[in-house]
């Protein structure tokens, strides 16, 4: 194993991105409930956006490790 790979594997993730996304999700659900949006619509939009951002994140990670 290369030294650079070992150093990257020991990096720790910070918790702030996870907390931010959780707070955003709770806020979006609250707004949707306030405007009386169906639960099925909320779920469909959430899964769709989750998939879209997951693909964008995978592409960004590939570009990061390409160089």
Protein backbone atom coordinates (compact mmCIF):
# COMPACT_ATOMS: atom_id res chain seq x y z
CA UNK A 1 0.00 0.00 0.00
CA UNK A 2 1.27 3.45 -0.85
CA UNK A 3 1.92 5.96 1.89
CA UNK A 4 -0.55 8.44 0.37
CA UNK A 5 -3.34 5.84 0.37
CA UNK A 6 -2.69 4.96 4.00
CA UNK A 7 -2.84 8.62 5.03
CA UNK A 8 -6.12 9.16 3.18
CA UNK A 9 -7.70 6.11 4.79
CA UNK A 10 -6.91 7.48 8.27
CA UNK A 11 -8.69 10.80 7.64
CA UNK A 12 -11.76 11.21 9.82
CA UNK A 13 -15.07 12.52 8.54
CA UNK A 14 -16.57 15.48 10.29
CA UNK A 15 -20.18 15.31 11.40
CA UNK A 16 -21.32 18.75 10.22
CA UNK A 17 -22.35 17.71 6.67
CA UNK A 18 -24.53 14.95 8.14
CA UNK A 19 -26.15 17.31 10.62
CA UNK A 20 -26.77 19.95 7.96
CA UNK A 21 -28.50 17.48 5.65
CA UNK A 22 -30.65 16.16 8.50
CA UNK A 23 -31.75 19.65 9.51
CA UNK A 24 -32.52 20.49 5.88
CA UNK A 25 -34.62 17.34 5.49
CA UNK A 26 -36.61 18.11 8.64
CA UNK A 27 -37.18 21.66 7.43
CA UNK A 28 -38.34 20.55 3.98
CA UNK A 29 -40.74 18.00 5.47
CA UNK A 30 -42.12 20.68 7.79
CA UNK A 31 -42.69 23.09 4.90
CA UNK A 32 -44.37 20.36 2.83
CA UNK A 33 -46.65 19.47 5.71
CA UNK A 34 -47.52 23.13 6.19
CA UNK A 35 -48.58 23.40 2.52
CA UNK A 36 -50.39 20.03 2.72
CA UNK A 37 -48.29 18.16 0.15
CA UNK A 38 -49.03 14.42 -0.13
CA UNK A 39 -46.65 12.04 1.61
CA UNK A 40 -46.20 10.02 -1.59
CA UNK A 41 -45.17 13.13 -3.51
CA UNK A 42 -42.69 14.06 -0.78
CA UNK A 43 -41.19 10.58 -0.87
CA UNK A 44 -40.91 10.55 -4.67
CA UNK A 45 -39.21 13.96 -4.76
CA UNK A 46 -36.89 13.00 -1.91
CA UNK A 47 -35.79 9.74 -3.50
CA UNK A 48 -35.31 11.44 -6.86
CA UNK A 49 -33.19 14.24 -5.43
CA UNK A 50 -31.24 11.78 -3.29
CA UNK A 51 -30.38 9.76 -6.40
CA UNK A 52 -29.45 12.86 -8.40
CA UNK A 53 -27.13 14.23 -5.73
CA UNK A 54 -25.67 10.77 -5.17
CA UNK A 55 -24.68 10.58 -8.83
CA UNK A 56 -23.21 14.08 -8.73
CA UNK A 57 -21.23 13.16 -5.62
CA UNK A 58 -19.89 10.01 -7.26
CA UNK A 59 -18.75 12.03 -10.26
CA UNK A 60 -17.02 14.59 -8.02
CA UNK A 61 -15.21 11.82 -6.12
CA UNK A 62 -14.02 10.25 -9.38
CA UNK A 63 -12.67 13.61 -10.56
CA UNK A 64 -10.96 14.16 -7.21
CA UNK A 65 -9.07 10.88 -7.35
CA UNK A 66 -8.37 11.10 -11.09
CA UNK A 67 -5.71 13.76 -10.58
